[in-house]
Every structure is written in structure tokens, then in C-alpha cells.
Amino acid sequence: MVITYFGKQYCKLTLGDLTIAINPPAKDSKAMPKPPRFGADIVLITTNHPDYNGVETVTLGDKVPFVIDGAGSYEINGIFITGAKSSVTLDGKEYINTVYGFELDNIKIVVIGALSDVGTLSPEAKEIAGASDMLFLPIGGGDVFDCVKAYKVATTFSPYVIIPVDADEGLLAKFLKEAGQKNTEMQDKATLKRKDLEGKENYIIPLTAQG
């Protein structure tokens, strides 16, 4: 599995011919007005906000993604995806935020989404997050977790690997320091297999946003 990060919470996961997009920004996003475009097979949208709900961004040519944008159970291309509710306040407005869990290449992946308070997680969302091998976690502060709160959340759920999102390189450096992982190099992409997780706990993989 190859993980590419584009900024905000916009990520691409690829495994063979399968492409999964996470939280692509819409064309009216102020955070990412010109996000990279590609065709996805599946798109996960945690929050119905322009910074996260750009289905058109990952629709290209004949490739139109299967859209998952809320709580429930889904099966597409042999992948089972479960979503459970939480909530978040963005720009002074309350939104539903969906936490997703799914397995890809024998790795249990959880996307927390735009979250600032674990107290808003439903019991189902907590169960999903607690089963994670890999956790996509916002650390940017403001309307989402800051570095300190994010690391506390990560240690609560104890994944093998953390993929920080919603952050620039300065925040990533701060997050690494908070975790006592100061000498970790930034990566353009992460290529991971199940065996790469062995012996790790709350290990942070900092990714440089690709433009």
C-alpha cells in the first residue's frame, strides 16, 4: 500500500489497481483552492464541508468513485468499510463527522476525520478507532486537535502507526517532539506492508504534502 498526502486531510491510498481518496477538498475550499486531481475508485468523506467533500476532485474521465459520506456499513471492491458518527464545529457551525474503519492489505485503517473532542465519539466510533493498526489523525489545532491533544488521543487508541494530517512541516516537527520521535525524516510517500508494523506502537510517519 502506498500513501500520498496532499495537504489538509486529503490523502490517496493505492494498492495495485485500487485507489481510495480520503477527504478531497472541493473547488470552493479556501484551505486548498487548487487540490491535485486524480480518479479514485472509492472516496471517503468524513465531513460535509468544502475542505473535505470534493467528490469532483477525485472524479477524472470515466473514473467515478463510489462515494461514502456517512455512517453505515459498506462493501465495495471486496473492501468492507464501517462508518460511525461524531461531531465537530467548523467555522462556528456544527457538522456531523464520520469516523471510518476498513482493512486494506491486512492493515486495519481508521480515519478520524475533522475531530477536536473525543467526547463526541459515539460508542461505535470509539470501537472502530480502538481497533486501528493505522490511524489518520488531525494535528493542526483550531477546529481540530492540536499536537498535544492529538498525541493523547493516539495513545488512547494505541495504533501501530499514526499518519498526521491537517498540518504543515512546523506542526509535524512539534508533533514528533511531543511523541519523543524527534529525528524522524519527512517522507514524500509511505509504502507499507503488514510486516512493517511489527514492533511499532504510536509510530508517527510524517508526510510532506505533495502539490
N, C-alpha and C. Protein backbone atom coordinates (compact mmCIF):
# COMPACT_ATOMS: atom_id res chain seq x y z
N MET A 1 0.84 -1.19 0.00
CA MET A 1 0.00 0.00 0.00
C MET A 1 0.88 1.25 0.00
N VAL A 2 0.49 2.20 -0.85
CA VAL A 2 1.22 3.47 -0.94
C VAL A 2 0.28 4.58 -0.47
N ILE A 3 0.80 5.43 0.43
CA ILE A 3 0.03 6.54 0.99
C ILE A 3 0.65 7.85 0.52
N THR A 4 -0.18 8.70 -0.08
CA THR A 4 0.26 10.02 -0.53
C THR A 4 -0.60 11.07 0.16
N TYR A 5 0.06 12.11 0.67
CA TYR A 5 -0.63 13.19 1.37
C TYR A 5 -0.52 14.47 0.55
N PHE A 6 -1.64 15.19 0.42
CA PHE A 6 -1.66 16.39 -0.41
C PHE A 6 -1.87 17.68 0.38
N GLY A 7 -2.11 17.57 1.68
CA GLY A 7 -2.41 18.75 2.49
C GLY A 7 -3.82 18.66 3.05
N LYS A 8 -4.11 19.53 4.07
CA LYS A 8 -5.37 19.47 4.81
C LYS A 8 -5.56 18.03 5.28
N GLN A 9 -6.68 17.38 4.93
CA GLN A 9 -6.83 15.96 5.26
C GLN A 9 -6.95 15.10 4.01
N TYR A 10 -6.45 15.62 2.91
CA TYR A 10 -6.57 14.99 1.60
C TYR A 10 -5.46 13.97 1.39
N CYS A 11 -5.84 12.69 1.27
CA CYS A 11 -4.87 11.61 1.10
C CYS A 11 -5.33 10.66 0.01
N LYS A 12 -4.35 9.93 -0.53
CA LYS A 12 -4.63 8.88 -1.51
C LYS A 12 -3.96 7.60 -1.05
N LEU A 13 -4.73 6.50 -1.05
CA LEU A 13 -4.19 5.18 -0.76
C LEU A 13 -4.30 4.36 -2.03
N THR A 14 -3.20 3.71 -2.43
CA THR A 14 -3.24 2.86 -3.61
C THR A 14 -2.71 1.48 -3.26
N LEU A 15 -3.39 0.48 -3.80
CA LEU A 15 -2.97 -0.91 -3.65
C LEU A 15 -3.29 -1.59 -4.97
N GLY A 16 -2.25 -1.88 -5.76
CA GLY A 16 -2.48 -2.43 -7.08
C GLY A 16 -3.28 -1.44 -7.92
N ASP A 17 -4.40 -1.89 -8.49
CA ASP A 17 -5.22 -1.03 -9.33
C ASP A 17 -6.27 -0.24 -8.54
N LEU A 18 -6.31 -0.46 -7.22
CA LEU A 18 -7.32 0.19 -6.38
C LEU A 18 -6.81 1.53 -5.85
N THR A 19 -7.66 2.56 -5.94
CA THR A 19 -7.32 3.88 -5.41
C THR A 19 -8.44 4.35 -4.50
N ILE A 20 -8.07 4.70 -3.27
CA ILE A 20 -9.02 5.24 -2.30
C ILE A 20 -8.62 6.67 -1.98
N ALA A 21 -9.55 7.60 -2.10
CA ALA A 21 -9.30 9.00 -1.74
C ALA A 21 -9.95 9.29 -0.39
N ILE A 22 -9.28 10.09 0.41
CA ILE A 22 -9.79 10.50 1.71
C ILE A 22 -9.90 12.02 1.75
N ASN A 23 -11.09 12.52 2.03
CA ASN A 23 -11.34 13.95 2.26
C ASN A 23 -10.74 14.89 1.21
N PRO A 24 -11.07 14.69 -0.06
CA PRO A 24 -10.58 15.64 -1.07
C PRO A 24 -11.30 16.98 -0.94
N PRO A 25 -10.59 18.10 -1.03
CA PRO A 25 -11.25 19.41 -0.96
C PRO A 25 -12.09 19.68 -2.20
N ALA A 26 -13.15 20.43 -2.02
CA ALA A 26 -14.00 20.85 -3.14
C ALA A 26 -13.39 22.09 -3.81
N LYS A 27 -13.94 22.46 -4.96
CA LYS A 27 -13.40 23.59 -5.71
C LYS A 27 -13.57 24.91 -4.97
N ASP A 28 -14.52 24.98 -4.02
CA ASP A 28 -14.71 26.21 -3.25
C ASP A 28 -14.06 26.16 -1.87
N SER A 29 -13.12 25.21 -1.68
CA SER A 29 -12.36 25.16 -0.43
C SER A 29 -11.40 26.34 -0.35
N LYS A 30 -11.42 27.02 0.78
CA LYS A 30 -10.48 28.12 1.00
C LYS A 30 -9.12 27.60 1.44
N ALA A 31 -9.10 26.42 2.04
CA ALA A 31 -7.85 25.85 2.53
C ALA A 31 -6.99 25.32 1.39
N MET A 32 -7.62 24.73 0.36
CA MET A 32 -6.90 24.18 -0.79
C MET A 32 -7.66 24.52 -2.06
N PRO A 33 -7.49 25.72 -2.57
CA PRO A 33 -8.27 26.15 -3.74
C PRO A 33 -7.94 25.39 -5.03
N LYS A 34 -6.74 24.80 -5.14
CA LYS A 34 -6.36 24.05 -6.35
C LYS A 34 -5.76 22.69 -5.96
N PRO A 35 -6.58 21.80 -5.43
CA PRO A 35 -6.06 20.50 -4.99
C PRO A 35 -5.69 19.62 -6.19
N PRO A 36 -4.70 18.74 -6.05
CA PRO A 36 -4.38 17.79 -7.11
C PRO A 36 -5.58 16.91 -7.43
N ARG A 37 -5.75 16.59 -8.71
CA ARG A 37 -6.88 15.78 -9.15
C ARG A 37 -6.39 14.41 -9.61
N PHE A 38 -7.23 13.40 -9.39
CA PHE A 38 -6.98 12.06 -9.91
C PHE A 38 -8.30 11.29 -9.86
N GLY A 39 -8.35 10.15 -10.50
CA GLY A 39 -9.53 9.31 -10.47
C GLY A 39 -9.43 8.29 -9.37
N ALA A 40 -10.44 8.21 -8.53
CA ALA A 40 -10.47 7.26 -7.41
C ALA A 40 -11.57 6.23 -7.62
N ASP A 41 -11.37 5.05 -7.04
CA ASP A 41 -12.41 4.02 -7.04
C ASP A 41 -13.40 4.23 -5.89
N ILE A 42 -12.86 4.68 -4.75
CA ILE A 42 -13.66 4.92 -3.54
C ILE A 42 -13.23 6.26 -2.96
N VAL A 43 -14.18 7.04 -2.49
CA VAL A 43 -13.85 8.27 -1.77
C VAL A 43 -14.56 8.26 -0.43
N LEU A 44 -13.80 8.53 0.62
CA LEU A 44 -14.34 8.64 1.97
C LEU A 44 -14.42 10.11 2.35
N ILE A 45 -15.60 10.56 2.72
CA ILE A 45 -15.81 11.94 3.13
C ILE A 45 -16.28 11.92 4.58
N THR A 46 -15.46 12.47 5.46
CA THR A 46 -15.83 12.45 6.88
C THR A 46 -16.80 13.55 7.24
N THR A 47 -16.71 14.69 6.53
CA THR A 47 -17.43 15.90 6.95
C THR A 47 -17.94 16.64 5.71
N ASN A 48 -19.21 16.99 5.70
CA ASN A 48 -19.79 17.68 4.55
C ASN A 48 -19.47 19.16 4.58
N HIS A 49 -18.19 19.45 4.34
CA HIS A 49 -17.64 20.81 4.36
C HIS A 49 -16.73 20.93 3.15
N PRO A 50 -16.62 22.10 2.52
CA PRO A 50 -15.81 22.22 1.30
C PRO A 50 -14.36 21.77 1.43
N ASP A 51 -13.80 21.80 2.63
CA ASP A 51 -12.41 21.34 2.80
C ASP A 51 -12.29 19.82 2.72
N TYR A 52 -13.44 19.11 2.72
CA TYR A 52 -13.38 17.65 2.82
C TYR A 52 -14.30 16.91 1.84
N ASN A 53 -15.16 17.60 1.10
CA ASN A 53 -16.21 16.88 0.36
C ASN A 53 -16.15 17.04 -1.16
N GLY A 54 -14.94 17.18 -1.70
CA GLY A 54 -14.79 17.43 -3.13
C GLY A 54 -14.79 16.17 -3.99
N VAL A 55 -15.95 15.56 -4.15
CA VAL A 55 -16.05 14.35 -4.98
C VAL A 55 -15.54 14.63 -6.39
N GLU A 56 -15.82 15.83 -6.91
CA GLU A 56 -15.39 16.17 -8.27
C GLU A 56 -13.86 16.19 -8.40
N THR A 57 -13.16 16.41 -7.30
CA THR A 57 -11.70 16.45 -7.33
C THR A 57 -11.11 15.08 -7.63
N VAL A 58 -11.81 14.01 -7.25
CA VAL A 58 -11.30 12.66 -7.47
C VAL A 58 -12.15 11.90 -8.48
N THR A 59 -12.83 12.66 -9.34
CA THR A 59 -13.54 12.11 -10.49
C THR A 59 -12.79 12.58 -11.73
N LEU A 60 -12.31 11.64 -12.53
CA LEU A 60 -11.48 12.02 -13.67
C LEU A 60 -11.79 11.10 -14.85
N GLY A 61 -12.20 11.68 -15.96
CA GLY A 61 -12.54 10.89 -17.13
C GLY A 61 -13.70 9.95 -16.83
N ASP A 62 -13.49 8.67 -17.16
CA ASP A 62 -14.52 7.66 -16.91
C ASP A 62 -14.49 7.12 -15.49
N LYS A 63 -13.53 7.56 -14.71
CA LYS A 63 -13.38 7.03 -13.35
C LYS A 63 -14.20 7.87 -12.37
N VAL A 64 -15.32 7.31 -11.95
CA VAL A 64 -16.22 7.97 -11.00
C VAL A 64 -16.21 7.16 -9.71
N PRO A 65 -15.85 7.75 -8.58
CA PRO A 65 -15.70 6.96 -7.35
C PRO A 65 -17.03 6.57 -6.71
N PHE A 66 -16.99 5.49 -5.97
CA PHE A 66 -18.09 5.13 -5.08
C PHE A 66 -17.95 6.03 -3.85
N VAL A 67 -18.98 6.81 -3.56
CA VAL A 67 -18.90 7.83 -2.51
C VAL A 67 -19.46 7.29 -1.19
N ILE A 68 -18.65 7.41 -0.14
CA ILE A 68 -19.08 7.06 1.22
C ILE A 68 -18.99 8.33 2.05
N ASP A 69 -20.14 8.82 2.51
CA ASP A 69 -20.14 10.12 3.18
C ASP A 69 -20.99 10.14 4.45
N GLY A 70 -21.09 8.99 5.11
CA GLY A 70 -21.86 8.96 6.34
C GLY A 70 -21.77 7.61 7.03
N ALA A 71 -22.39 7.53 8.19
CA ALA A 71 -22.35 6.32 8.99
C ALA A 71 -23.05 5.16 8.28
N GLY A 72 -22.59 3.95 8.57
CA GLY A 72 -23.20 2.76 7.98
C GLY A 72 -22.14 1.73 7.64
N SER A 73 -22.58 0.64 7.02
CA SER A 73 -21.68 -0.43 6.59
C SER A 73 -21.73 -0.53 5.07
N TYR A 74 -20.57 -0.65 4.46
CA TYR A 74 -20.46 -0.64 3.00
C TYR A 74 -19.52 -1.75 2.55
N GLU A 75 -19.78 -2.26 1.35
CA GLU A 75 -18.85 -3.19 0.71
C GLU A 75 -18.67 -2.76 -0.73
N ILE A 76 -17.43 -2.55 -1.12
CA ILE A 76 -17.11 -2.15 -2.48
C ILE A 76 -15.75 -2.73 -2.85
N ASN A 77 -15.67 -3.37 -3.98
CA ASN A 77 -14.43 -3.99 -4.44
C ASN A 77 -13.83 -4.95 -3.41
N GLY A 78 -14.70 -5.64 -2.68
CA GLY A 78 -14.24 -6.60 -1.69
C GLY A 78 -13.74 -5.99 -0.40
N ILE A 79 -13.91 -4.68 -0.25
CA ILE A 79 -13.47 -3.99 0.97
C ILE A 79 -14.70 -3.63 1.80
N PHE A 80 -14.65 -3.98 3.07
CA PHE A 80 -15.74 -3.66 3.99
C PHE A 80 -15.38 -2.40 4.78
N ILE A 81 -16.23 -1.41 4.72
CA ILE A 81 -15.98 -0.12 5.36
C ILE A 81 -17.12 0.18 6.32
N THR A 82 -16.76 0.57 7.54
CA THR A 82 -17.76 0.92 8.55
C THR A 82 -17.57 2.37 8.95
N GLY A 83 -18.67 3.10 9.04
CA GLY A 83 -18.62 4.50 9.48
C GLY A 83 -19.51 4.72 10.68
N ALA A 84 -19.04 5.53 11.64
CA ALA A 84 -19.82 5.84 12.84
C ALA A 84 -19.71 7.32 13.14
N LYS A 85 -20.75 7.86 13.76
CA LYS A 85 -20.87 9.31 13.93
C LYS A 85 -20.06 9.88 15.07
N SER A 86 -19.63 11.11 14.85
CA SER A 86 -19.17 12.03 15.90
C SER A 86 -19.61 13.41 15.43
N SER A 87 -19.12 14.45 16.07
CA SER A 87 -19.49 15.80 15.62
C SER A 87 -18.31 16.75 15.81
N VAL A 88 -18.35 17.85 15.06
CA VAL A 88 -17.29 18.85 15.14
C VAL A 88 -17.89 20.21 14.79
N THR A 89 -17.30 21.26 15.34
CA THR A 89 -17.69 22.63 14.98
C THR A 89 -16.60 23.23 14.11
N LEU A 90 -16.96 23.59 12.88
CA LEU A 90 -16.04 24.19 11.92
C LEU A 90 -16.57 25.55 11.51
N ASP A 91 -15.72 26.55 11.63
CA ASP A 91 -16.12 27.92 11.28
C ASP A 91 -17.39 28.34 12.00
N GLY A 92 -17.53 27.88 13.25
CA GLY A 92 -18.68 28.27 14.06
C GLY A 92 -19.95 27.50 13.79
N LYS A 93 -19.90 26.50 12.91
CA LYS A 93 -21.08 25.72 12.56
C LYS A 93 -20.85 24.25 12.91
N GLU A 94 -21.87 23.60 13.47
CA GLU A 94 -21.71 22.19 13.86
C GLU A 94 -21.96 21.27 12.66
N TYR A 95 -21.09 20.28 12.53
CA TYR A 95 -21.18 19.30 11.45
C TYR A 95 -21.14 17.89 12.03
N ILE A 96 -21.75 16.96 11.31
CA ILE A 96 -21.53 15.54 11.61
C ILE A 96 -20.18 15.16 11.05
N ASN A 97 -19.39 14.45 11.84
CA ASN A 97 -18.11 13.91 11.39
C ASN A 97 -18.18 12.40 11.50
N THR A 98 -17.84 11.72 10.43
CA THR A 98 -17.91 10.26 10.42
C THR A 98 -16.51 9.66 10.54
N VAL A 99 -16.36 8.76 11.49
CA VAL A 99 -15.12 8.01 11.67
C VAL A 99 -15.23 6.72 10.87
N TYR A 100 -14.24 6.44 10.02
CA TYR A 100 -14.28 5.25 9.16
C TYR A 100 -13.21 4.24 9.56
N GLY A 101 -13.59 2.98 9.47
CA GLY A 101 -12.66 1.89 9.65
C GLY A 101 -12.78 0.89 8.52
N PHE A 102 -11.65 0.41 8.01
CA PHE A 102 -11.65 -0.59 6.96
C PHE A 102 -10.29 -1.30 6.95
N GLU A 103 -10.22 -2.41 6.27
CA GLU A 103 -8.97 -3.16 6.20
C GLU A 103 -8.47 -3.18 4.76
N LEU A 104 -7.19 -2.87 4.60
CA LEU A 104 -6.56 -2.86 3.29
C LEU A 104 -5.19 -3.50 3.41
N ASP A 105 -4.95 -4.52 2.62
CA ASP A 105 -3.67 -5.24 2.65
C ASP A 105 -3.35 -5.76 4.07
N ASN A 106 -4.38 -6.28 4.74
CA ASN A 106 -4.28 -6.84 6.09
C ASN A 106 -3.91 -5.80 7.15
N ILE A 107 -4.14 -4.53 6.87
CA ILE A 107 -3.90 -3.45 7.82
C ILE A 107 -5.23 -2.78 8.14
N LYS A 108 -5.58 -2.71 9.42
CA LYS A 108 -6.83 -2.07 9.84
C LYS A 108 -6.60 -0.56 9.92
N ILE A 109 -7.28 0.16 9.06
CA ILE A 109 -7.08 1.60 8.91
C ILE A 109 -8.27 2.34 9.48
N VAL A 110 -7.99 3.41 10.22
CA VAL A 110 -9.05 4.26 10.76
C VAL A 110 -8.78 5.71 10.36
N VAL A 111 -9.82 6.36 9.85
CA VAL A 111 -9.77 7.78 9.51
C VAL A 111 -10.66 8.51 10.52
N ILE A 112 -10.03 9.29 11.39
CA ILE A 112 -10.77 10.01 12.45
C ILE A 112 -11.55 11.19 11.88
N GLY A 113 -10.99 11.84 10.86
CA GLY A 113 -11.68 12.98 10.24
C GLY A 113 -11.43 14.28 10.98
N ALA A 114 -12.36 15.21 10.83
CA ALA A 114 -12.24 16.54 11.44
C ALA A 114 -12.78 16.46 12.86
N LEU A 115 -11.89 16.20 13.79
CA LEU A 115 -12.33 15.97 15.17
C LEU A 115 -11.51 16.84 16.11
N SER A 116 -12.19 17.35 17.14
CA SER A 116 -11.50 18.17 18.14
C SER A 116 -11.78 17.70 19.56
N ASP A 117 -12.71 16.76 19.71
CA ASP A 117 -13.11 16.33 21.05
C ASP A 117 -13.53 14.86 21.00
N VAL A 118 -12.77 13.99 21.66
CA VAL A 118 -13.13 12.57 21.65
C VAL A 118 -14.45 12.32 22.36
N GLY A 119 -14.89 13.29 23.16
CA GLY A 119 -16.17 13.16 23.84
C GLY A 119 -17.35 13.10 22.90
N THR A 120 -17.16 13.55 21.64
CA THR A 120 -18.25 13.50 20.67
C THR A 120 -18.35 12.15 19.97
N LEU A 121 -17.38 11.26 20.20
CA LEU A 121 -17.39 9.96 19.54
C LEU A 121 -18.51 9.09 20.10
N SER A 122 -19.27 8.49 19.22
CA SER A 122 -20.27 7.52 19.65
C SER A 122 -19.55 6.26 20.12
N PRO A 123 -20.22 5.39 20.87
CA PRO A 123 -19.59 4.12 21.26
C PRO A 123 -19.09 3.33 20.06
N GLU A 124 -19.85 3.37 18.95
CA GLU A 124 -19.44 2.66 17.74
C GLU A 124 -18.16 3.26 17.16
N ALA A 125 -18.06 4.59 17.19
CA ALA A 125 -16.86 5.26 16.67
C ALA A 125 -15.64 4.93 17.53
N LYS A 126 -15.81 4.89 18.84
CA LYS A 126 -14.71 4.53 19.74
C LYS A 126 -14.25 3.09 19.48
N GLU A 127 -15.20 2.21 19.22
CA GLU A 127 -14.86 0.82 18.93
C GLU A 127 -14.04 0.72 17.64
N ILE A 128 -14.46 1.47 16.63
CA ILE A 128 -13.72 1.48 15.37
C ILE A 128 -12.30 1.99 15.59
N ALA A 129 -12.17 3.14 16.27
CA ALA A 129 -10.85 3.75 16.50
C ALA A 129 -9.95 2.84 17.33
N GLY A 130 -10.54 2.14 18.29
CA GLY A 130 -9.75 1.28 19.16
C GLY A 130 -9.19 0.06 18.48
N ALA A 131 -9.69 -0.25 17.28
CA ALA A 131 -9.23 -1.43 16.56
C ALA A 131 -8.19 -1.08 15.49
N SER A 132 -7.70 0.15 15.49
CA SER A 132 -6.85 0.61 14.39
C SER A 132 -5.43 0.08 14.48
N ASP A 133 -4.89 -0.33 13.33
CA ASP A 133 -3.45 -0.55 13.16
C ASP A 133 -2.79 0.74 12.69
N MET A 134 -3.52 1.47 11.85
CA MET A 134 -3.04 2.74 11.29
C MET A 134 -4.12 3.80 11.49
N LEU A 135 -3.75 4.93 12.06
CA LEU A 135 -4.71 5.97 12.40
C LEU A 135 -4.36 7.27 11.68
N PHE A 136 -5.28 7.76 10.85
CA PHE A 136 -5.13 9.08 10.23
C PHE A 136 -5.71 10.11 11.20
N LEU A 137 -4.83 11.02 11.67
CA LEU A 137 -5.17 11.86 12.82
C LEU A 137 -4.84 13.33 12.55
N PRO A 138 -5.81 14.25 12.69
CA PRO A 138 -5.51 15.68 12.51
C PRO A 138 -4.74 16.25 13.69
N ILE A 139 -3.80 17.15 13.41
CA ILE A 139 -2.98 17.73 14.49
C ILE A 139 -2.87 19.25 14.36
N GLY A 140 -3.68 19.85 13.49
CA GLY A 140 -3.46 21.25 13.12
C GLY A 140 -3.92 22.31 14.09
N GLY A 141 -4.71 21.92 15.11
CA GLY A 141 -5.22 22.92 16.04
C GLY A 141 -6.40 23.68 15.44
N GLY A 142 -6.86 24.69 16.15
CA GLY A 142 -8.04 25.43 15.69
C GLY A 142 -9.29 24.60 15.87
N ASP A 143 -9.93 24.24 14.77
CA ASP A 143 -11.16 23.46 14.83
C ASP A 143 -10.93 21.96 15.01
N VAL A 144 -9.67 21.52 14.93
CA VAL A 144 -9.35 20.11 15.14
C VAL A 144 -8.30 19.99 16.25
N PHE A 145 -7.92 18.75 16.58
CA PHE A 145 -6.92 18.54 17.64
C PHE A 145 -5.65 19.33 17.36
N ASP A 146 -5.04 19.85 18.44
CA ASP A 146 -3.68 20.37 18.31
C ASP A 146 -2.72 19.21 18.59
N CYS A 147 -1.41 19.48 18.53
CA CYS A 147 -0.41 18.42 18.65
C CYS A 147 -0.50 17.67 19.97
N VAL A 148 -0.69 18.41 21.06
CA VAL A 148 -0.73 17.78 22.39
C VAL A 148 -1.95 16.89 22.53
N LYS A 149 -3.12 17.43 22.19
CA LYS A 149 -4.36 16.65 22.30
C LYS A 149 -4.33 15.46 21.34
N ALA A 150 -3.79 15.67 20.15
CA ALA A 150 -3.75 14.60 19.16
C ALA A 150 -2.92 13.42 19.68
N TYR A 151 -1.79 13.71 20.29
CA TYR A 151 -0.95 12.60 20.76
C TYR A 151 -1.62 11.87 21.93
N LYS A 152 -2.33 12.59 22.78
CA LYS A 152 -3.08 11.94 23.85
C LYS A 152 -4.14 11.01 23.28
N VAL A 153 -4.81 11.47 22.22
CA VAL A 153 -5.80 10.64 21.57
C VAL A 153 -5.15 9.39 20.97
N ALA A 154 -4.01 9.59 20.32
CA ALA A 154 -3.31 8.47 19.70
C ALA A 154 -2.93 7.41 20.74
N THR A 155 -2.42 7.85 21.87
CA THR A 155 -2.01 6.88 22.90
C THR A 155 -3.22 6.19 23.52
N THR A 156 -4.38 6.84 23.47
CA THR A 156 -5.61 6.20 23.96
C THR A 156 -5.98 5.01 23.09
N PHE A 157 -5.86 5.18 21.77
CA PHE A 157 -6.25 4.11 20.85
C PHE A 157 -5.10 3.19 20.48
N SER A 158 -3.86 3.64 20.68
CA SER A 158 -2.64 2.83 20.51
C SER A 158 -2.55 2.09 19.18
N PRO A 159 -2.59 2.80 18.07
CA PRO A 159 -2.33 2.13 16.79
C PRO A 159 -0.85 1.81 16.66
N TYR A 160 -0.52 0.98 15.70
CA TYR A 160 0.90 0.76 15.42
C TYR A 160 1.50 2.02 14.80
N VAL A 161 0.75 2.62 13.87
CA VAL A 161 1.27 3.74 13.07
C VAL A 161 0.26 4.88 13.05
N ILE A 162 0.77 6.11 13.13
CA ILE A 162 -0.04 7.31 13.04
C ILE A 162 0.35 8.08 11.77
N ILE A 163 -0.64 8.45 10.97
CA ILE A 163 -0.41 9.33 9.82
C ILE A 163 -1.02 10.69 10.18
N PRO A 164 -0.18 11.68 10.53
CA PRO A 164 -0.73 13.00 10.88
C PRO A 164 -1.18 13.77 9.65
N VAL A 165 -2.33 14.42 9.76
CA VAL A 165 -2.86 15.24 8.66
C VAL A 165 -3.26 16.60 9.22
N ASP A 166 -3.68 17.48 8.31
CA ASP A 166 -4.08 18.84 8.72
C ASP A 166 -2.91 19.58 9.35
N ALA A 167 -1.72 19.47 8.76
CA ALA A 167 -0.53 20.06 9.38
C ALA A 167 0.51 20.44 8.34
N ASP A 168 1.29 21.47 8.67
CA ASP A 168 2.46 21.80 7.86
C ASP A 168 3.69 21.18 8.52
N GLU A 169 4.87 21.43 7.95
CA GLU A 169 6.08 20.77 8.46
C GLU A 169 6.43 21.25 9.86
N GLY A 170 6.10 22.50 10.18
CA GLY A 170 6.37 23.00 11.53
C GLY A 170 5.55 22.26 12.57
N LEU A 171 4.27 22.05 12.28
CA LEU A 171 3.41 21.31 13.21
C LEU A 171 3.82 19.85 13.29
N LEU A 172 4.25 19.28 12.16
CA LEU A 172 4.71 17.90 12.19
C LEU A 172 5.93 17.75 13.08
N ALA A 173 6.84 18.72 13.02
CA ALA A 173 8.02 18.69 13.88
C ALA A 173 7.63 18.78 15.35
N LYS A 174 6.64 19.61 15.65
CA LYS A 174 6.15 19.76 17.02
C LYS A 174 5.50 18.46 17.50
N PHE A 175 4.73 17.83 16.61
CA PHE A 175 4.05 16.58 16.95
C PHE A 175 5.07 15.47 17.21
N LEU A 176 6.09 15.41 16.39
CA LEU A 176 7.15 14.41 16.59
C LEU A 176 7.86 14.63 17.92
N LYS A 177 8.10 15.89 18.25
CA LYS A 177 8.74 16.21 19.52
C LYS A 177 7.85 15.81 20.69
N GLU A 178 6.55 16.07 20.58
CA GLU A 178 5.60 15.70 21.62
C GLU A 178 5.63 14.19 21.87
N ALA A 179 5.85 13.44 20.79
CA ALA A 179 5.88 11.98 20.89
C ALA A 179 7.27 11.43 21.22
N GLY A 180 8.26 12.32 21.35
CA GLY A 180 9.62 11.86 21.61
C GLY A 180 10.25 11.18 20.41
N GLN A 181 9.86 11.61 19.22
CA GLN A 181 10.32 10.97 17.98
C GLN A 181 10.95 12.05 17.09
N LYS A 182 11.94 12.74 17.61
CA LYS A 182 12.43 13.98 17.01
C LYS A 182 13.25 13.80 15.74
N ASN A 183 13.89 12.67 15.53
CA ASN A 183 14.82 12.53 14.43
C ASN A 183 14.23 11.82 13.21
N THR A 184 12.93 11.70 13.17
CA THR A 184 12.28 11.04 12.05
C THR A 184 12.24 11.95 10.83
N GLU A 185 12.65 11.43 9.68
CA GLU A 185 12.69 12.23 8.45
C GLU A 185 11.33 12.28 7.77
N MET A 186 11.06 13.42 7.15
CA MET A 186 9.85 13.57 6.35
C MET A 186 9.93 12.64 5.14
N GLN A 187 8.77 12.15 4.71
CA GLN A 187 8.70 11.28 3.55
C GLN A 187 7.74 11.88 2.52
N ASP A 188 8.07 11.69 1.23
CA ASP A 188 7.16 12.15 0.18
C ASP A 188 5.95 11.23 0.09
N LYS A 189 6.20 9.94 0.26
CA LYS A 189 5.14 8.93 0.27
C LYS A 189 5.53 7.85 1.27
N ALA A 190 4.54 7.11 1.72
CA ALA A 190 4.81 5.97 2.60
C ALA A 190 4.36 4.70 1.89
N THR A 191 5.25 3.72 1.84
CA THR A 191 4.93 2.41 1.29
C THR A 191 4.99 1.41 2.43
N LEU A 192 3.85 0.80 2.74
CA LEU A 192 3.76 -0.04 3.92
C LEU A 192 3.13 -1.39 3.62
N LYS A 193 3.64 -2.41 4.27
CA LYS A 193 3.02 -3.73 4.30
C LYS A 193 2.79 -4.10 5.76
N ARG A 194 2.01 -5.14 5.96
CA ARG A 194 1.69 -5.55 7.33
C ARG A 194 2.94 -5.80 8.16
N LYS A 195 3.94 -6.42 7.57
CA LYS A 195 5.16 -6.75 8.33
C LYS A 195 5.91 -5.50 8.79
N ASP A 196 5.69 -4.37 8.12
CA ASP A 196 6.36 -3.13 8.51
C ASP A 196 5.83 -2.56 9.82
N LEU A 197 4.67 -3.04 10.27
CA LEU A 197 4.07 -2.54 11.51
C LEU A 197 4.57 -3.27 12.75
N GLU A 198 5.18 -4.40 12.54
CA GLU A 198 5.60 -5.24 13.67
C GLU A 198 6.58 -4.50 14.57
N GLY A 199 6.32 -4.54 15.87
CA GLY A 199 7.20 -3.92 16.85
C GLY A 199 6.98 -2.43 17.03
N LYS A 200 6.04 -1.86 16.31
CA LYS A 200 5.79 -0.42 16.42
C LYS A 200 4.58 -0.16 17.31
N GLU A 201 4.57 1.02 17.96
CA GLU A 201 3.43 1.47 18.73
C GLU A 201 3.40 2.99 18.70
N ASN A 202 2.30 3.56 18.25
CA ASN A 202 2.15 5.01 18.11
C ASN A 202 3.31 5.62 17.31
N TYR A 203 3.76 4.89 16.31
CA TYR A 203 4.89 5.37 15.49
C TYR A 203 4.37 6.34 14.43
N ILE A 204 4.95 7.51 14.39
CA ILE A 204 4.47 8.57 13.50
C ILE A 204 5.22 8.54 12.17
N ILE A 205 4.46 8.59 11.09
CA ILE A 205 5.05 8.71 9.75
C ILE A 205 4.68 10.09 9.21
N PRO A 206 5.62 11.04 9.25
CA PRO A 206 5.31 12.40 8.77
C PRO A 206 5.47 12.50 7.24
N LEU A 207 4.43 12.93 6.58
CA LEU A 207 4.44 13.00 5.12
C LEU A 207 4.42 14.46 4.66
N THR A 208 5.27 14.74 3.69
CA THR A 208 5.30 16.05 3.07
C THR A 208 4.13 16.18 2.08
N ALA A 209 3.40 17.27 2.17
CA ALA A 209 2.27 17.47 1.24
C ALA A 209 2.76 17.60 -0.18
N GLN A 210 2.17 16.80 -1.06
CA GLN A 210 2.54 16.80 -2.48
C GLN A 210 1.59 17.71 -3.25
N GLY A 211 2.16 18.65 -4.00
CA GLY A 211 1.32 19.58 -4.74
C GLY A 211 1.16 19.22 -6.19
